[in-house]
């Protein structure tokens, strides 16, 4: 794949897959999980208010959306929570089934496990044995990262977890409304400035991408899910850290035809919506940590910077 395809430079698409797009739901279901935040219903202006987005992402036109109340996880699903799900169901992720996933080159733990670099985004390496338990390669592990977001999870995997938990993935409109936290028309989750008062408010890249990260925010890859202050709805890290899967199929022109009330995306598509940006975002090549920013990837794709959080109806 190249940077122009779904996922692109932000997160590479799985080049080949023998895994079906939809896997059987876990045979066991466990209702509940960490307490969710209540997001009140309301109307908001969805989309890019500053005309800063990439044309192919379809962040415009800004359009009014009305949503019913819903609940959403205050943090991304953690390694600890995903481990509980796997122990309870025996679930095997797409990356584990396929035997490889995408790792950022500066975080690689096992050079001998590299299959090759991603064309057009050579900072991404396809690594044998990389999966949610081994995020940098087969010799790495998450034993000291229980409160970090789980990564190397495909959209298929995220839906399986949500089904087990008695929840669902948020729609794209729900995600943006929740991320705004009650702030209208702002550039970022917390307001207008990227680093208000000189303080970092999210885990993104500092330095020269992709060769030198000064780690001014404290992190090269993922940070614990409550590292930065929450937004107005009590939600942590709706910008940076990891991309978060949404329920919707992606279409660049969807905002031109989106229904006013509770939009749920196109009926079909090739890629699923991702929101929020990740620890690799940098304004020199990808400023998708803005609250209106959109991206997408194929449902079977996984990488070291994709995670998710769950929502549920009220």
C-alpha atoms as a PDB file:
ATOM      1  CA  UNK A   1       0.000   0.000   0.000  1.00  0.00           C
ATOM      2  CA  UNK A   2       0.971   3.644  -0.244  1.00  0.00           C
ATOM      3  CA  UNK A   3       0.224   6.736   1.785  1.00  0.00           C
ATOM      4  CA  UNK A   4      -2.661   7.650  -0.539  1.00  0.00           C
ATOM      5  CA  UNK A   5      -4.704   4.553   0.251  1.00  0.00           C
ATOM      6  CA  UNK A   6      -7.003   4.060   3.282  1.00  0.00           C
ATOM      7  CA  UNK A   7      -4.965   4.590   6.416  1.00  0.00           C
ATOM      8  CA  UNK A   8      -2.053   5.946   4.388  1.00  0.00           C
ATOM      9  CA  UNK A   9       0.805   7.509   6.280  1.00  0.00           C
ATOM     10  CA  UNK A  10      -1.227   7.573   9.504  1.00  0.00           C
ATOM     11  CA  UNK A  11      -1.699   3.811   9.756  1.00  0.00           C
ATOM     12  CA  UNK A  12      -0.980   1.331   6.961  1.00  0.00           C
ATOM     13  CA  UNK A  13      -3.604  -0.996   5.551  1.00  0.00           C
ATOM     14  CA  UNK A  14      -3.073  -4.747   5.793  1.00  0.00           C
ATOM     15  CA  UNK A  15      -1.644  -5.702   2.373  1.00  0.00           C
ATOM     16  CA  UNK A  16      -3.220  -9.151   2.236  1.00  0.00           C
ATOM     17  CA  UNK A  17      -5.602 -10.974   4.514  1.00  0.00           C
ATOM     18  CA  UNK A  18      -7.033 -14.439   4.794  1.00  0.00           C
ATOM     19  CA  UNK A  19      -9.309 -13.360   7.634  1.00  0.00           C
ATOM     20  CA  UNK A  20     -12.962 -12.703   6.750  1.00  0.00           C
ATOM     21  CA  UNK A  21     -14.202  -9.148   7.214  1.00  0.00           C
ATOM     22  CA  UNK A  22     -16.595 -10.346   9.902  1.00  0.00           C
ATOM     23  CA  UNK A  23     -15.522 -12.951  12.445  1.00  0.00           C
ATOM     24  CA  UNK A  24     -17.992 -14.963  14.533  1.00  0.00           C
ATOM     25  CA  UNK A  25     -19.068 -13.091  17.659  1.00  0.00           C
ATOM     26  CA  UNK A  26     -17.559 -14.370  20.907  1.00  0.00           C
ATOM     27  CA  UNK A  27     -19.635 -17.229  22.310  1.00  0.00           C
ATOM     28  CA  UNK A  28     -19.595 -15.633  25.752  1.00  0.00           C
ATOM     29  CA  UNK A  29     -20.842 -12.171  26.563  1.00  0.00           C
ATOM     30  CA  UNK A  30     -20.089 -10.138  29.613  1.00  0.00           C
ATOM     31  CA  UNK A  31     -22.408  -7.208  30.178  1.00  0.00           C
ATOM     32  CA  UNK A  32     -20.875  -4.073  31.552  1.00  0.00           C
ATOM     33  CA  UNK A  33     -17.312  -2.960  32.058  1.00  0.00           C
ATOM     34  CA  UNK A  34     -15.779   0.308  33.228  1.00  0.00           C
ATOM     35  CA  UNK A  35     -18.354   2.999  33.989  1.00  0.00           C
ATOM     36  CA  UNK A  36     -19.195   5.125  30.974  1.00  0.00           C
ATOM     37  CA  UNK A  37     -19.694   8.878  30.804  1.00  0.00           C
ATOM     38  CA  UNK A  38     -23.134  10.203  29.922  1.00  0.00           C
ATOM     39  CA  UNK A  39     -23.101  12.548  26.939  1.00  0.00           C
ATOM     40  CA  UNK A  40     -26.276  14.647  26.809  1.00  0.00           C
ATOM     41  CA  UNK A  41     -28.227  14.858  23.606  1.00  0.00           C
ATOM     42  CA  UNK A  42     -28.010  18.027  21.610  1.00  0.00           C
ATOM     43  CA  UNK A  43     -27.198  19.760  18.350  1.00  0.00           C
ATOM     44  CA  UNK A  44     -23.727  20.747  17.156  1.00  0.00           C
ATOM     45  CA  UNK A  45     -21.923  21.971  14.052  1.00  0.00           C
ATOM     46  CA  UNK A  46     -19.901  18.986  12.804  1.00  0.00           C
ATOM     47  CA  UNK A  47     -16.873  19.373  10.594  1.00  0.00           C
ATOM     48  CA  UNK A  48     -13.842  21.586   9.954  1.00  0.00           C
ATOM     49  CA  UNK A  49     -14.629  25.197  10.926  1.00  0.00           C
ATOM     50  CA  UNK A  50     -11.227  26.469   9.777  1.00  0.00           C
ATOM     51  CA  UNK A  51     -10.901  24.863   6.325  1.00  0.00           C
ATOM     52  CA  UNK A  52      -7.666  23.182   7.428  1.00  0.00           C
ATOM     53  CA  UNK A  53      -8.442  19.589   6.556  1.00  0.00           C
ATOM     54  CA  UNK A  54      -7.127  17.452   3.717  1.00  0.00           C
ATOM     55  CA  UNK A  55      -9.591  17.532   0.787  1.00  0.00           C
ATOM     56  CA  UNK A  56      -9.597  13.736   0.449  1.00  0.00           C
ATOM     57  CA  UNK A  57     -10.720  13.395   4.079  1.00  0.00           C
ATOM     58  CA  UNK A  58     -14.032  15.171   3.495  1.00  0.00           C
ATOM     59  CA  UNK A  59     -14.148  17.321   6.646  1.00  0.00           C
ATOM     60  CA  UNK A  60     -16.533  19.792   5.024  1.00  0.00           C
ATOM     61  CA  UNK A  61     -19.132  21.151   4.694  1.00  0.00           C
ATOM     62  CA  UNK A  62     -19.740  22.027   8.325  1.00  0.00           C
ATOM     63  CA  UNK A  63     -23.274  20.782   8.974  1.00  0.00           C
ATOM     64  CA  UNK A  64     -25.705  20.690  11.860  1.00  0.00           C
ATOM     65  CA  UNK A  65     -26.192  17.324  13.554  1.00  0.00           C
ATOM     66  CA  UNK A  66     -28.674  16.400  16.279  1.00  0.00           C
ATOM     67  CA  UNK A  67     -27.895  13.460  18.549  1.00  0.00           C
ATOM     68  CA  UNK A  68     -29.820  11.575  21.193  1.00  0.00           C
ATOM     69  CA  UNK A  69     -28.060  11.069  24.555  1.00  0.00           C
ATOM     70  CA  UNK A  70     -25.546   8.212  24.696  1.00  0.00           C
ATOM     71  CA  UNK A  71     -22.793   6.851  26.908  1.00  0.00           C
ATOM     72  CA  UNK A  72     -19.131   6.477  26.019  1.00  0.00           C
ATOM     73  CA  UNK A  73     -16.013   5.085  27.680  1.00  0.00           C
ATOM     74  CA  UNK A  74     -14.004   7.822  29.414  1.00  0.00           C
ATOM     75  CA  UNK A  75     -10.776   6.190  28.180  1.00  0.00           C
ATOM     76  CA  UNK A  76      -9.672   3.996  25.317  1.00  0.00           C
ATOM     77  CA  UNK A  77      -9.912   0.256  25.974  1.00  0.00           C
ATOM     78  CA  UNK A  78      -6.761  -0.743  27.850  1.00  0.00           C
ATOM     79  CA  UNK A  79      -4.482  -3.750  27.596  1.00  0.00           C
ATOM     80  CA  UNK A  80      -5.887  -4.928  30.929  1.00  0.00           C
ATOM     81  CA  UNK A  81      -9.492  -4.734  29.733  1.00  0.00           C
ATOM     82  CA  UNK A  82      -8.698  -6.440  26.429  1.00  0.00           C
ATOM     83  CA  UNK A  83      -6.810  -9.182  28.259  1.00  0.00           C
ATOM     84  CA  UNK A  84      -9.911  -9.892  30.340  1.00  0.00           C
ATOM     85  CA  UNK A  85     -11.945 -10.191  27.154  1.00  0.00           C
ATOM     86  CA  UNK A  86      -9.423 -12.605  25.596  1.00  0.00           C
ATOM     87  CA  UNK A  87      -9.232 -14.750  28.730  1.00  0.00           C
ATOM     88  CA  UNK A  88     -13.016 -14.909  28.937  1.00  0.00           C
ATOM     89  CA  UNK A  89     -13.648 -15.782  25.271  1.00  0.00           C
ATOM     90  CA  UNK A  90     -10.440 -17.195  23.794  1.00  0.00           C
ATOM     91  CA  UNK A  91     -10.665 -14.567  21.065  1.00  0.00           C
ATOM     92  CA  UNK A  92      -7.770 -14.354  18.582  1.00  0.00           C
ATOM     93  CA  UNK A  93      -7.174 -11.008  16.883  1.00  0.00           C
ATOM     94  CA  UNK A  94      -6.659 -10.545  13.159  1.00  0.00           C
ATOM     95  CA  UNK A  95      -2.961  -9.685  13.699  1.00  0.00           C
ATOM     96  CA  UNK A  96      -2.490 -12.954  15.607  1.00  0.00           C
ATOM     97  CA  UNK A  97      -4.328 -14.968  12.951  1.00  0.00           C
ATOM     98  CA  UNK A  98      -2.343 -13.382  10.138  1.00  0.00           C
ATOM     99  CA  UNK A  99       0.980 -13.488  12.025  1.00  0.00           C
ATOM    100  CA  UNK A 100       2.082  -9.871  11.556  1.00  0.00           C
ATOM    101  CA  UNK A 101       1.175  -6.233  12.056  1.00  0.00           C
ATOM    102  CA  UNK A 102       2.605  -2.737  11.488  1.00  0.00           C
ATOM    103  CA  UNK A 103       5.212  -1.257  13.857  1.00  0.00           C
ATOM    104  CA  UNK A 104       6.736   2.236  13.805  1.00  0.00           C
ATOM    105  CA  UNK A 105      10.431   1.975  12.906  1.00  0.00           C
ATOM    106  CA  UNK A 106      11.853   3.820  15.939  1.00  0.00           C
ATOM    107  CA  UNK A 107       9.984   1.514  18.333  1.00  0.00           C
ATOM    108  CA  UNK A 108      10.961  -1.782  16.660  1.00  0.00           C
ATOM    109  CA  UNK A 109      12.198  -4.466  19.076  1.00  0.00           C
ATOM    110  CA  UNK A 110      13.078  -7.238  16.602  1.00  0.00           C
ATOM    111  CA  UNK A 111      14.859  -6.214  13.371  1.00  0.00           C
ATOM    112  CA  UNK A 112      15.037  -9.836  12.201  1.00  0.00           C
ATOM    113  CA  UNK A 113      11.217 -10.066  12.238  1.00  0.00           C
ATOM    114  CA  UNK A 114      10.680  -7.325   9.641  1.00  0.00           C
ATOM    115  CA  UNK A 115       8.962  -8.418   6.415  1.00  0.00           C
ATOM    116  CA  UNK A 116       9.506  -5.065   4.777  1.00  0.00           C
ATOM    117  CA  UNK A 117       8.665  -1.375   4.854  1.00  0.00           C
ATOM    118  CA  UNK A 118       5.398   0.126   3.645  1.00  0.00           C
ATOM    119  CA  UNK A 119       5.730   1.793   0.250  1.00  0.00           C
ATOM    120  CA  UNK A 120       5.228   5.536   0.534  1.00  0.00           C
ATOM    121  CA  UNK A 121       5.442   5.413   4.333  1.00  0.00           C
ATOM    122  CA  UNK A 122       8.739   3.706   5.075  1.00  0.00           C
ATOM    123  CA  UNK A 123       8.526   4.539   8.774  1.00  0.00           C
ATOM    124  CA  UNK A 124       5.993   1.699   8.972  1.00  0.00           C
ATOM    125  CA  UNK A 125       7.388  -1.837   9.075  1.00  0.00           C
ATOM    126  CA  UNK A 126       5.392  -5.033   8.708  1.00  0.00           C
ATOM    127  CA  UNK A 127       6.663  -7.203  11.561  1.00  0.00           C
ATOM    128  CA  UNK A 128       6.147 -10.918  12.135  1.00  0.00           C
ATOM    129  CA  UNK A 129       4.854 -11.616  15.631  1.00  0.00           C
ATOM    130  CA  UNK A 130       3.660  -8.060  16.301  1.00  0.00           C
ATOM    131  CA  UNK A 131       0.215  -8.049  17.932  1.00  0.00           C
ATOM    132  CA  UNK A 132      -1.602  -6.595  20.934  1.00  0.00           C
ATOM    133  CA  UNK A 133       0.523  -8.608  23.376  1.00  0.00           C
ATOM    134  CA  UNK A 134       3.752  -7.757  21.520  1.00  0.00           C
ATOM    135  CA  UNK A 135       3.314  -4.190  20.252  1.00  0.00           C
ATOM    136  CA  UNK A 136       6.898  -3.593  19.036  1.00  0.00           C
ATOM    137  CA  UNK A 137       7.634  -7.145  17.870  1.00  0.00           C
ATOM    138  CA  UNK A 138       7.742 -10.685  19.279  1.00  0.00           C
ATOM    139  CA  UNK A 139      10.224  -9.949  22.088  1.00  0.00           C
ATOM    140  CA  UNK A 140       8.213  -6.988  23.436  1.00  0.00           C
ATOM    141  CA  UNK A 141       5.280  -7.288  25.827  1.00  0.00           C
ATOM    142  CA  UNK A 142       2.657  -5.244  27.683  1.00  0.00           C
ATOM    143  CA  UNK A 143       3.244  -6.518  31.223  1.00  0.00           C
ATOM    144  CA  UNK A 144       4.104  -3.024  32.457  1.00  0.00           C
ATOM    145  CA  UNK A 145       1.518  -1.305  30.221  1.00  0.00           C
ATOM    146  CA  UNK A 146      -1.783  -2.562  31.603  1.00  0.00           C
ATOM    147  CA  UNK A 147      -3.193   0.983  31.653  1.00  0.00           C
ATOM    148  CA  UNK A 148      -2.041   1.858  28.125  1.00  0.00           C
ATOM    149  CA  UNK A 149      -4.525   1.602  25.252  1.00  0.00           C
ATOM    150  CA  UNK A 150      -4.599  -1.747  23.501  1.00  0.00           C
ATOM    151  CA  UNK A 151      -3.169  -1.502  19.966  1.00  0.00           C
ATOM    152  CA  UNK A 152      -2.812  -3.769  16.933  1.00  0.00           C
ATOM    153  CA  UNK A 153      -6.589  -4.233  17.038  1.00  0.00           C
ATOM    154  CA  UNK A 154      -8.574  -4.201  13.798  1.00  0.00           C
ATOM    155  CA  UNK A 155     -12.091  -2.863  13.425  1.00  0.00           C
ATOM    156  CA  UNK A 156     -13.193  -6.494  13.400  1.00  0.00           C
ATOM    157  CA  UNK A 157     -11.469  -7.043  16.762  1.00  0.00           C
ATOM    158  CA  UNK A 158     -12.953  -3.872  18.248  1.00  0.00           C
ATOM    159  CA  UNK A 159     -16.472  -4.943  17.275  1.00  0.00           C
ATOM    160  CA  UNK A 160     -15.901  -8.358  18.852  1.00  0.00           C
ATOM    161  CA  UNK A 161     -14.842  -6.754  22.133  1.00  0.00           C
ATOM    162  CA  UNK A 162     -17.818  -4.381  22.081  1.00  0.00           C
ATOM    163  CA  UNK A 163     -20.237  -7.266  21.503  1.00  0.00           C
ATOM    164  CA  UNK A 164     -18.751  -9.151  24.455  1.00  0.00           C
ATOM    165  CA  UNK A 165     -19.046  -6.066  26.658  1.00  0.00           C
ATOM    166  CA  UNK A 166     -22.675  -5.494  25.683  1.00  0.00           C
ATOM    167  CA  UNK A 167     -21.716  -2.235  24.010  1.00  0.00           C
ATOM    168  CA  UNK A 168     -20.922  -0.934  20.516  1.00  0.00           C
ATOM    169  CA  UNK A 169     -18.513   1.342  18.708  1.00  0.00           C
ATOM    170  CA  UNK A 170     -19.491   5.024  18.626  1.00  0.00           C
ATOM    171  CA  UNK A 171     -20.733   6.553  15.419  1.00  0.00           C
ATOM    172  CA  UNK A 172     -18.460   9.162  13.906  1.00  0.00           C
ATOM    173  CA  UNK A 173     -20.917  11.923  14.821  1.00  0.00           C
ATOM    174  CA  UNK A 174     -21.115  10.685  18.411  1.00  0.00           C
ATOM    175  CA  UNK A 175     -17.332  10.566  18.587  1.00  0.00           C
ATOM    176  CA  UNK A 176     -16.862  14.167  17.428  1.00  0.00           C
ATOM    177  CA  UNK A 177     -19.675  15.493  19.614  1.00  0.00           C
ATOM    178  CA  UNK A 178     -18.216  13.709  22.652  1.00  0.00           C
ATOM    179  CA  UNK A 179     -14.670  14.850  21.823  1.00  0.00           C
ATOM    180  CA  UNK A 180     -15.750  18.474  21.677  1.00  0.00           C
ATOM    181  CA  UNK A 181     -16.854  18.191  25.290  1.00  0.00           C
ATOM    182  CA  UNK A 182     -19.366  21.003  24.984  1.00  0.00           C
ATOM    183  CA  UNK A 183     -16.996  23.421  23.212  1.00  0.00           C
ATOM    184  CA  UNK A 184     -18.496  24.813  20.003  1.00  0.00           C
ATOM    185  CA  UNK A 185     -16.419  25.287  16.859  1.00  0.00           C
ATOM    186  CA  UNK A 186     -13.003  24.877  18.475  1.00  0.00           C
ATOM    187  CA  UNK A 187      -9.884  23.602  16.712  1.00  0.00           C
ATOM    188  CA  UNK A 188      -8.816  21.158  19.427  1.00  0.00           C
ATOM    189  CA  UNK A 189     -10.557  19.102  22.080  1.00  0.00           C
ATOM    190  CA  UNK A 190      -9.501  21.643  24.735  1.00  0.00           C
ATOM    191  CA  UNK A 191      -9.742  24.903  22.768  1.00  0.00           C
ATOM    192  CA  UNK A 192      -7.845  26.942  20.196  1.00  0.00           C
ATOM    193  CA  UNK A 193      -4.175  26.636  21.157  1.00  0.00           C
ATOM    194  CA  UNK A 194      -2.183  23.430  20.709  1.00  0.00           C
ATOM    195  CA  UNK A 195      -0.132  23.958  23.882  1.00  0.00           C
ATOM    196  CA  UNK A 196      -2.026  26.422  26.100  1.00  0.00           C
ATOM    197  CA  UNK A 197       0.296  27.990  28.649  1.00  0.00           C
ATOM    198  CA  UNK A 198       3.148  26.014  27.092  1.00  0.00           C
ATOM    199  CA  UNK A 199       1.721  22.703  28.354  1.00  0.00           C
ATOM    200  CA  UNK A 200       1.083  19.665  26.202  1.00  0.00           C
ATOM    201  CA  UNK A 201      -2.501  18.437  26.202  1.00  0.00           C
ATOM    202  CA  UNK A 202      -2.109  15.329  24.056  1.00  0.00           C
ATOM    203  CA  UNK A 203       0.421  12.698  22.999  1.00  0.00           C
ATOM    204  CA  UNK A 204       1.625  13.586  19.505  1.00  0.00           C
ATOM    205  CA  UNK A 205       5.021  13.934  17.788  1.00  0.00           C
ATOM    206  CA  UNK A 206       7.567  16.645  18.595  1.00  0.00           C
ATOM    207  CA  UNK A 207      10.768  17.043  16.590  1.00  0.00           C
ATOM    208  CA  UNK A 208      11.535  16.008  13.024  1.00  0.00           C
ATOM    209  CA  UNK A 209       9.137  13.391  11.723  1.00  0.00           C
ATOM    210  CA  UNK A 210       9.854  10.512  11.241  1.00  0.00           C
ATOM    211  CA  UNK A 211      13.494  10.424  12.355  1.00  0.00           C
ATOM    212  CA  UNK A 212      13.689  12.276  15.691  1.00  0.00           C
ATOM    213  CA  UNK A 213      11.100  12.577  18.422  1.00  0.00           C
ATOM    214  CA  UNK A 214      12.166  14.925  21.215  1.00  0.00           C
ATOM    215  CA  UNK A 215       9.393  13.444  23.399  1.00  0.00           C
ATOM    216  CA  UNK A 216       8.573  16.824  24.940  1.00  0.00           C
ATOM    217  CA  UNK A 217       5.172  15.412  25.924  1.00  0.00           C
ATOM    218  CA  UNK A 218       6.918  12.487  27.639  1.00  0.00           C
ATOM    219  CA  UNK A 219       6.196   9.673  25.187  1.00  0.00           C
ATOM    220  CA  UNK A 220       7.600   8.035  22.065  1.00  0.00           C
ATOM    221  CA  UNK A 221       4.671   5.656  21.598  1.00  0.00           C
ATOM    222  CA  UNK A 222       1.524   5.158  23.692  1.00  0.00           C
ATOM    223  CA  UNK A 223       0.901   6.872  27.015  1.00  0.00           C
ATOM    224  CA  UNK A 224      -1.338   5.625  29.851  1.00  0.00           C
ATOM    225  CA  UNK A 225      -4.969   6.423  29.090  1.00  0.00           C
ATOM    226  CA  UNK A 226      -5.340   9.118  31.781  1.00  0.00           C
ATOM    227  CA  UNK A 227      -2.054  10.929  31.167  1.00  0.00           C
ATOM    228  CA  UNK A 228      -3.678  14.209  30.126  1.00  0.00           C
ATOM    229  CA  UNK A 229      -6.662  16.091  31.627  1.00  0.00           C
ATOM    230  CA  UNK A 230     -10.175  15.112  30.503  1.00  0.00           C
ATOM    231  CA  UNK A 231     -12.475  17.271  28.399  1.00  0.00           C
ATOM    232  CA  UNK A 232     -15.787  18.780  29.462  1.00  0.00           C
ATOM    233  CA  UNK A 233     -17.538  15.399  29.402  1.00  0.00           C
ATOM    234  CA  UNK A 234     -14.831  13.695  31.447  1.00  0.00           C
ATOM    235  CA  UNK A 235     -13.226  11.925  28.462  1.00  0.00           C
ATOM    236  CA  UNK A 236      -9.471  11.440  28.328  1.00  0.00           C
ATOM    237  CA  UNK A 237      -7.254  11.663  25.249  1.00  0.00           C
ATOM    238  CA  UNK A 238      -9.738  12.162  22.480  1.00  0.00           C
ATOM    239  CA  UNK A 239      -6.740  13.605  20.612  1.00  0.00           C
ATOM    240  CA  UNK A 240      -3.429  11.867  20.010  1.00  0.00           C
ATOM    241  CA  UNK A 241      -2.162   8.658  21.626  1.00  0.00           C
ATOM    242  CA  UNK A 242      -4.076   6.168  19.412  1.00  0.00           C
ATOM    243  CA  UNK A 243      -6.485   6.360  16.532  1.00  0.00           C
ATOM    244  CA  UNK A 244      -9.951   5.184  17.571  1.00  0.00           C
ATOM    245  CA  UNK A 245     -12.233   3.093  15.385  1.00  0.00           C
ATOM    246  CA  UNK A 246     -15.768   4.339  14.785  1.00  0.00           C
ATOM    247  CA  UNK A 247     -18.745   2.298  13.608  1.00  0.00           C
ATOM    248  CA  UNK A 248     -19.182   4.112  10.287  1.00  0.00           C
ATOM    249  CA  UNK A 249     -18.030   3.198   6.826  1.00  0.00           C
ATOM    250  CA  UNK A 250     -15.952   6.042   5.397  1.00  0.00           C
ATOM    251  CA  UNK A 251     -16.909   8.194   2.420  1.00  0.00           C
ATOM    252  CA  UNK A 252     -15.189  11.483   1.606  1.00  0.00           C
ATOM    253  CA  UNK A 253     -18.468  13.035   0.425  1.00  0.00           C
ATOM    254  CA  UNK A 254     -20.652  11.807   3.279  1.00  0.00           C
ATOM    255  CA  UNK A 255     -21.036  15.247   4.872  1.00  0.00           C
ATOM    256  CA  UNK A 256     -22.808  16.488   1.738  1.00  0.00           C
ATOM    257  CA  UNK A 257     -25.622  13.977   2.300  1.00  0.00           C
ATOM    258  CA  UNK A 258     -25.509  13.213   6.018  1.00  0.00           C
ATOM    259  CA  UNK A 259     -28.934  13.157   7.710  1.00  0.00           C
ATOM    260  CA  UNK A 260     -29.594  15.793  10.340  1.00  0.00           C
ATOM    261  CA  UNK A 261     -30.426  13.383  13.165  1.00  0.00           C
ATOM    262  CA  UNK A 262     -28.183  10.578  14.446  1.00  0.00           C
ATOM    263  CA  UNK A 263     -26.161   9.977  11.231  1.00  0.00           C
ATOM    264  CA  UNK A 264     -24.581   6.535  11.009  1.00  0.00           C
ATOM    265  CA  UNK A 265     -22.447   6.786   7.892  1.00  0.00           C
ATOM    266  CA  UNK A 266     -22.840   5.169   4.465  1.00  0.00           C
ATOM    267  CA  UNK A 267     -24.527   1.785   4.110  1.00  0.00           C
ATOM    268  CA  UNK A 268     -21.373   0.220   2.707  1.00  0.00           C
ATOM    269  CA  UNK A 269     -17.759   0.973   1.922  1.00  0.00           C
ATOM    270  CA  UNK A 270     -14.165  -0.219   1.785  1.00  0.00           C
ATOM    271  CA  UNK A 271     -12.739   1.469   4.892  1.00  0.00           C
ATOM    272  CA  UNK A 272     -14.002   2.316   8.375  1.00  0.00           C
ATOM    273  CA  UNK A 273     -13.683   5.721  10.001  1.00  0.00           C
ATOM    274  CA  UNK A 274     -10.886   6.400  12.494  1.00  0.00           C
ATOM    275  CA  UNK A 275     -10.797   9.483  14.698  1.00  0.00           C
ATOM    276  CA  UNK A 276      -8.499  11.381  17.039  1.00  0.00           C
ATOM    277  CA  UNK A 277      -5.008  11.064  15.593  1.00  0.00           C
ATOM    278  CA  UNK A 278      -2.158   9.249  17.314  1.00  0.00           C
ATOM    279  CA  UNK A 279       1.279   9.598  18.884  1.00  0.00           C
ATOM    280  CA  UNK A 280       2.683   9.901  15.349  1.00  0.00           C
ATOM    281  CA  UNK A 281       0.716  12.984  14.289  1.00  0.00           C
ATOM    282  CA  UNK A 282       2.826  16.057  13.467  1.00  0.00           C
ATOM    283  CA  UNK A 283       1.836  19.238  11.665  1.00  0.00           C
ATOM    284  CA  UNK A 284       4.600  18.741   9.099  1.00  0.00           C
ATOM    285  CA  UNK A 285       2.714  15.843   7.512  1.00  0.00           C
ATOM    286  CA  UNK A 286      -0.470  14.925   9.438  1.00  0.00           C
ATOM    287  CA  UNK A 287      -2.354  17.366  11.657  1.00  0.00           C
ATOM    288  CA  UNK A 288      -5.260  15.014  12.241  1.00  0.00           C
ATOM    289  CA  UNK A 289      -5.209  15.627  15.993  1.00  0.00           C
ATOM    290  CA  UNK A 290      -7.709  18.435  15.309  1.00  0.00           C
ATOM    291  CA  UNK A 291     -11.149  17.558  16.656  1.00  0.00           C
ATOM    292  CA  UNK A 292     -12.798  17.642  13.208  1.00  0.00           C
ATOM    293  CA  UNK A 293     -10.118  15.534  11.500  1.00  0.00           C
ATOM    294  CA  UNK A 294     -11.042  12.245   9.849  1.00  0.00           C
ATOM    295  CA  UNK A 295      -9.119   9.240   8.608  1.00  0.00           C
ATOM    296  CA  UNK A 296      -9.939   5.668   7.659  1.00  0.00           C
ATOM    297  CA  UNK A 297      -8.557   2.193   7.210  1.00  0.00           C
ATOM    298  CA  UNK A 298      -9.714  -1.206   6.035  1.00  0.00           C
ATOM    299  CA  UNK A 299     -11.559  -3.254   8.699  1.00  0.00           C
ATOM    300  CA  UNK A 300      -8.871  -5.964   8.916  1.00  0.00           C
ATOM    301  CA  UNK A 301      -5.959  -3.534   9.327  1.00  0.00           C
ATOM    302  CA  UNK A 302      -3.984  -3.143  12.531  1.00  0.00           C
ATOM    303  CA  UNK A 303      -0.967  -1.176  13.664  1.00  0.00           C
ATOM    304  CA  UNK A 304       0.840   0.042  16.762  1.00  0.00           C
ATOM    305  CA  UNK A 305      -1.225   3.254  16.886  1.00  0.00           C
ATOM    306  CA  UNK A 306      -4.834   2.061  16.457  1.00  0.00           C
ATOM    307  CA  UNK A 307      -7.160   1.407  19.381  1.00  0.00           C
ATOM    308  CA  UNK A 308     -10.799   2.107  20.256  1.00  0.00           C
ATOM    309  CA  UNK A 309     -13.335   2.965  22.923  1.00  0.00           C
ATOM    310  CA  UNK A 310     -16.939   1.804  23.269  1.00  0.00           C
ATOM    311  CA  UNK A 311     -20.293   3.559  23.397  1.00  0.00           C
ATOM    312  CA  UNK A 312     -23.789   2.465  24.367  1.00  0.00           C
ATOM    313  CA  UNK A 313     -27.346   3.689  24.090  1.00  0.00           C
ATOM    314  CA  UNK A 314     -29.130   5.382  26.955  1.00  0.00           C
END
